[in-house]
N, C-alpha and C. Protein backbone atom coordinates (compact mmCIF):
# COMPACT_ATOMS: atom_id res chain seq x y z
N MET A 1 3.90 -200.95 101.89
CA MET A 1 2.58 -201.00 100.60
C MET A 1 1.63 -201.65 101.34
N THR A 2 0.07 -200.38 101.36
CA THR A 2 -0.88 -201.18 101.48
C THR A 2 -1.34 -202.00 100.68
N ASN A 3 -2.21 -203.16 100.75
CA ASN A 3 -3.17 -203.64 100.13
C ASN A 3 -4.48 -203.70 100.77
N PRO A 4 -4.86 -202.55 99.66
CA PRO A 4 -6.42 -202.88 100.52
C PRO A 4 -7.50 -203.60 99.44
N ILE A 5 -8.37 -203.45 100.13
CA ILE A 5 -9.75 -204.96 99.81
C ILE A 5 -10.60 -203.97 99.49
N SER A 6 -11.11 -204.12 98.00
CA SER A 6 -11.88 -203.44 97.32
C SER A 6 -13.27 -203.82 97.03
N PHE A 7 -13.35 -204.73 97.04
CA PHE A 7 -14.37 -206.41 96.55
C PHE A 7 -14.41 -207.37 97.19
N ILE A 8 -15.32 -207.69 97.84
CA ILE A 8 -15.84 -209.04 98.61
C ILE A 8 -17.52 -209.25 98.16
N THR A 9 -17.74 -210.78 98.04
CA THR A 9 -18.46 -211.57 97.06
C THR A 9 -18.55 -212.80 97.51
N GLU A 10 -19.58 -214.05 97.08
CA GLU A 10 -19.48 -214.99 98.22
C GLU A 10 -20.43 -215.43 96.45
N TYR A 11 -20.13 -216.73 96.16
CA TYR A 11 -21.05 -217.70 95.19
C TYR A 11 -20.80 -219.11 95.82
N ASN A 12 -22.18 -220.06 95.75
CA ASN A 12 -21.67 -221.24 96.24
C ASN A 12 -21.47 -221.24 97.67
N ASP A 13 -19.91 -222.02 97.87
CA ASP A 13 -19.01 -222.68 99.03
C ASP A 13 -17.91 -221.89 99.32
N ARG A 14 -17.58 -220.67 97.98
CA ARG A 14 -16.35 -219.82 97.72
C ARG A 14 -17.17 -218.29 98.18
N LYS A 15 -15.89 -217.95 99.03
CA LYS A 15 -16.37 -216.61 99.07
C LYS A 15 -14.02 -215.63 98.59
N TYR A 16 -14.66 -214.42 98.04
CA TYR A 16 -13.49 -214.11 96.23
C TYR A 16 -13.81 -212.62 97.27
N ILE A 17 -12.18 -212.27 98.06
CA ILE A 17 -12.04 -211.13 98.34
C ILE A 17 -11.15 -210.52 97.35
N LEU A 18 -11.09 -209.37 96.33
CA LEU A 18 -10.39 -208.58 95.77
C LEU A 18 -9.55 -207.41 96.24
N THR A 19 -8.35 -207.62 96.17
CA THR A 19 -7.46 -206.55 96.73
C THR A 19 -6.33 -206.01 96.21
N HIS A 20 -5.85 -204.65 96.27
CA HIS A 20 -5.07 -204.08 95.27
C HIS A 20 -3.60 -205.32 94.46
N TRP A 21 -3.05 -206.15 95.01
CA TRP A 21 -2.26 -207.05 94.81
C TRP A 21 -3.23 -208.34 94.07
N TYR A 22 -4.35 -209.17 95.02
CA TYR A 22 -4.50 -210.49 94.41
C TYR A 22 -6.19 -210.01 94.90
N PRO A 23 -6.58 -211.55 93.90
CA PRO A 23 -8.00 -212.00 94.53
C PRO A 23 -7.48 -213.20 95.23
N TYR A 24 -8.09 -213.43 96.84
CA TYR A 24 -8.19 -214.41 97.21
C TYR A 24 -9.62 -215.38 96.89
N ILE A 25 -9.08 -216.54 96.93
CA ILE A 25 -10.38 -217.73 97.10
C ILE A 25 -10.64 -218.13 98.18
N LEU A 26 -11.74 -217.79 99.14
CA LEU A 26 -11.63 -218.62 100.49
C LEU A 26 -13.05 -220.18 100.19
N LYS A 27 -12.02 -220.89 101.03
CA LYS A 27 -13.08 -221.93 100.84
C LYS A 27 -12.64 -222.47 102.26
N ASP A 28 -14.16 -222.44 103.10
CA ASP A 28 -14.40 -223.16 104.08
C ASP A 28 -13.55 -222.42 105.35
N ASP A 29 -13.42 -220.63 105.21
CA ASP A 29 -13.34 -219.72 105.62
C ASP A 29 -11.65 -219.56 105.24
N LYS A 30 -11.06 -220.58 104.16
CA LYS A 30 -9.44 -220.24 104.84
C LYS A 30 -8.39 -220.38 103.64
N ILE A 31 -7.60 -219.50 103.12
CA ILE A 31 -7.07 -219.06 101.59
C ILE A 31 -7.14 -220.36 101.24
N PHE A 32 -7.28 -220.33 99.31
CA PHE A 32 -7.43 -222.18 99.08
C PHE A 32 -6.64 -221.72 98.55
N ARG A 33 -6.84 -219.86 97.72
CA ARG A 33 -6.01 -220.05 96.29
C ARG A 33 -5.89 -218.43 95.66
N TYR A 34 -4.45 -217.90 95.06
CA TYR A 34 -5.05 -216.64 95.50
C TYR A 34 -4.16 -216.02 94.27
N LEU A 35 -4.94 -215.52 93.04
CA LEU A 35 -3.98 -215.25 91.61
C LEU A 35 -3.80 -213.86 92.15
N LYS A 36 -2.30 -213.03 90.99
CA LYS A 36 -1.61 -211.71 90.93
C LYS A 36 -3.55 -210.97 90.03
N ASN A 37 -3.08 -210.09 90.86
CA ASN A 37 -4.23 -209.17 90.31
C ASN A 37 -3.22 -207.78 89.63
N ASP A 38 -3.53 -208.04 87.90
CA ASP A 38 -3.03 -207.24 87.28
C ASP A 38 -3.13 -206.23 87.41
N LYS A 39 -4.45 -205.41 88.29
CA LYS A 39 -5.00 -204.36 88.41
C LYS A 39 -6.28 -204.07 87.03
N GLU A 40 -6.59 -205.18 86.82
CA GLU A 40 -7.78 -205.32 85.74
C GLU A 40 -8.99 -205.25 85.81
N ASN A 41 -10.22 -205.93 85.52
CA ASN A 41 -11.42 -206.21 86.34
C ASN A 41 -11.40 -207.90 86.15
N TYR A 42 -12.37 -208.35 87.42
CA TYR A 42 -13.03 -209.38 87.09
C TYR A 42 -14.30 -209.07 87.02
N LYS A 43 -14.98 -210.53 87.26
CA LYS A 43 -16.48 -210.45 87.16
C LYS A 43 -16.60 -211.68 87.91
N TRP A 44 -17.35 -212.08 88.54
CA TRP A 44 -17.73 -213.34 88.85
C TRP A 44 -19.37 -213.38 88.44
N PHE A 45 -19.47 -214.82 88.77
CA PHE A 45 -20.74 -215.48 87.63
C PHE A 45 -20.88 -216.59 88.60
N LYS A 46 -22.30 -217.62 88.83
CA LYS A 46 -22.53 -218.96 89.90
C LYS A 46 -21.95 -220.01 90.05
N ASN A 47 -20.63 -220.05 88.86
CA ASN A 47 -19.86 -221.22 88.95
C ASN A 47 -18.42 -221.28 88.13
N GLU A 48 -18.65 -219.53 88.66
CA GLU A 48 -16.65 -219.41 87.33
C GLU A 48 -16.62 -217.65 86.85
N PHE A 49 -15.76 -216.78 87.19
CA PHE A 49 -15.37 -215.96 86.99
C PHE A 49 -14.60 -215.91 85.72
N ILE A 50 -14.52 -214.53 84.97
CA ILE A 50 -13.08 -214.35 84.22
C ILE A 50 -12.85 -213.15 84.82
N HIS A 51 -11.84 -212.75 84.27
CA HIS A 51 -10.23 -211.74 84.53
C HIS A 51 -10.68 -210.55 83.05
N GLN A 52 -11.17 -210.05 83.02
CA GLN A 52 -10.79 -209.07 81.38
C GLN A 52 -9.21 -208.16 81.94
N ALA A 53 -8.25 -208.52 80.70
CA ALA A 53 -7.51 -207.45 80.89
C ALA A 53 -7.22 -206.48 79.41
N THR A 54 -6.55 -205.84 79.18
CA THR A 54 -6.76 -205.08 77.95
C THR A 54 -6.66 -205.43 77.00
N LYS A 55 -6.20 -206.94 76.41
CA LYS A 55 -6.81 -207.27 74.65
C LYS A 55 -7.14 -208.97 75.03
N GLN A 56 -7.44 -208.81 76.53
CA GLN A 56 -8.02 -210.26 77.11
C GLN A 56 -8.91 -210.50 77.72
N ILE A 57 -9.35 -211.61 77.33
CA ILE A 57 -10.39 -212.11 78.76
C ILE A 57 -10.23 -213.76 79.15
N VAL A 58 -9.48 -213.81 80.60
CA VAL A 58 -9.43 -215.52 80.86
C VAL A 58 -10.65 -215.92 81.56
N LEU A 59 -10.73 -216.73 81.78
CA LEU A 59 -12.10 -217.84 82.07
C LEU A 59 -11.63 -218.97 83.03
N PHE A 60 -12.17 -218.45 84.66
CA PHE A 60 -11.46 -219.13 85.28
C PHE A 60 -13.19 -220.29 86.10
N ASP A 61 -12.61 -221.45 86.72
CA ASP A 61 -13.53 -222.06 87.30
C ASP A 61 -13.70 -221.36 88.84
N ARG A 62 -14.42 -222.36 89.46
CA ARG A 62 -14.91 -221.61 91.04
C ARG A 62 -13.56 -221.02 91.54
N ASP A 63 -12.42 -222.30 91.88
CA ASP A 63 -11.89 -222.57 92.25
C ASP A 63 -9.81 -222.11 91.67
N GLY A 64 -10.13 -221.00 90.40
CA GLY A 64 -9.68 -220.78 90.33
C GLY A 64 -8.24 -220.83 88.91
N ASN A 65 -9.40 -222.07 88.94
CA ASN A 65 -8.37 -222.71 87.48
C ASN A 65 -8.84 -222.80 86.36
N LYS A 66 -7.46 -222.07 86.14
CA LYS A 66 -7.81 -221.35 84.15
C LYS A 66 -8.79 -222.26 83.11
N LYS A 67 -9.40 -221.83 82.83
CA LYS A 67 -10.48 -222.77 82.05
C LYS A 67 -10.56 -222.15 80.27
N GLY A 68 -10.23 -221.38 80.43
CA GLY A 68 -9.91 -220.93 78.50
C GLY A 68 -9.34 -219.10 78.50
N MET A 69 -9.00 -218.47 77.64
CA MET A 69 -8.81 -217.56 77.16
C MET A 69 -9.51 -216.99 75.95
N LEU A 70 -9.42 -215.76 75.69
CA LEU A 70 -9.76 -215.42 74.71
C LEU A 70 -8.80 -214.23 74.39
N LEU A 71 -8.29 -214.06 73.20
CA LEU A 71 -7.39 -212.28 72.86
C LEU A 71 -7.48 -212.41 71.53
N PHE A 72 -7.62 -210.29 72.06
CA PHE A 72 -8.59 -209.17 70.98
C PHE A 72 -7.05 -209.02 70.85
N LYS A 73 -7.02 -208.10 69.18
CA LYS A 73 -5.96 -207.61 68.36
C LYS A 73 -5.77 -206.16 68.89
N LEU A 74 -7.01 -205.36 69.22
CA LEU A 74 -6.92 -204.69 69.35
C LEU A 74 -7.59 -205.06 71.15
N PRO A 75 -7.78 -203.55 72.21
CA PRO A 75 -8.23 -203.33 73.51
C PRO A 75 -9.40 -203.96 72.79
N ILE A 76 -9.91 -204.15 74.03
CA ILE A 76 -11.70 -204.42 73.82
C ILE A 76 -12.24 -203.93 74.33
N LEU A 77 -11.30 -202.17 74.19
CA LEU A 77 -12.63 -201.38 74.69
C LEU A 77 -13.23 -200.77 72.85
N GLN A 78 -12.03 -201.26 72.35
CA GLN A 78 -12.31 -200.37 70.99
C GLN A 78 -13.16 -201.58 70.60
N TYR A 79 -13.45 -202.00 71.15
CA TYR A 79 -14.53 -203.73 70.06
C TYR A 79 -15.48 -203.63 70.56
N VAL A 80 -15.55 -202.78 71.74
CA VAL A 80 -17.13 -202.63 72.67
C VAL A 80 -17.74 -201.36 71.69
N THR A 81 -16.39 -200.72 71.41
CA THR A 81 -17.08 -198.79 71.37
C THR A 81 -17.42 -199.02 69.92
N ARG A 82 -16.99 -200.04 68.87
CA ARG A 82 -17.31 -199.90 67.12
C ARG A 82 -17.82 -200.51 67.28
N THR A 83 -19.08 -202.16 67.75
CA THR A 83 -19.93 -202.46 67.99
C THR A 83 -21.31 -201.70 68.25
N ILE A 84 -20.95 -200.91 69.22
CA ILE A 84 -21.99 -199.98 69.70
C ILE A 84 -22.37 -198.50 68.71
N PHE A 85 -21.76 -198.31 68.14
CA PHE A 85 -21.66 -197.07 67.64
C PHE A 85 -21.78 -196.94 66.03
N PHE A 86 -20.90 -198.22 65.93
CA PHE A 86 -21.00 -198.12 64.05
C PHE A 86 -21.88 -199.14 63.35
């Protein structure tokens, strides 16, 4: 099975490559760390990034160390829909 690249970005001195199986974190052009990709959404910011799953959001620092997590009872999309339309 292949592992295609779906996204590449760079913040500060880190490069992030998101593939089908893993998001890779490169430091000095070498693989510094990789995380399991649960086929959910990753979003990058200046000094951290988040992994958004169906019912949780996990915050990581720029090196991929977990900083915190938010858990929701309902899928996040339902919270967004309720906020916008109700």
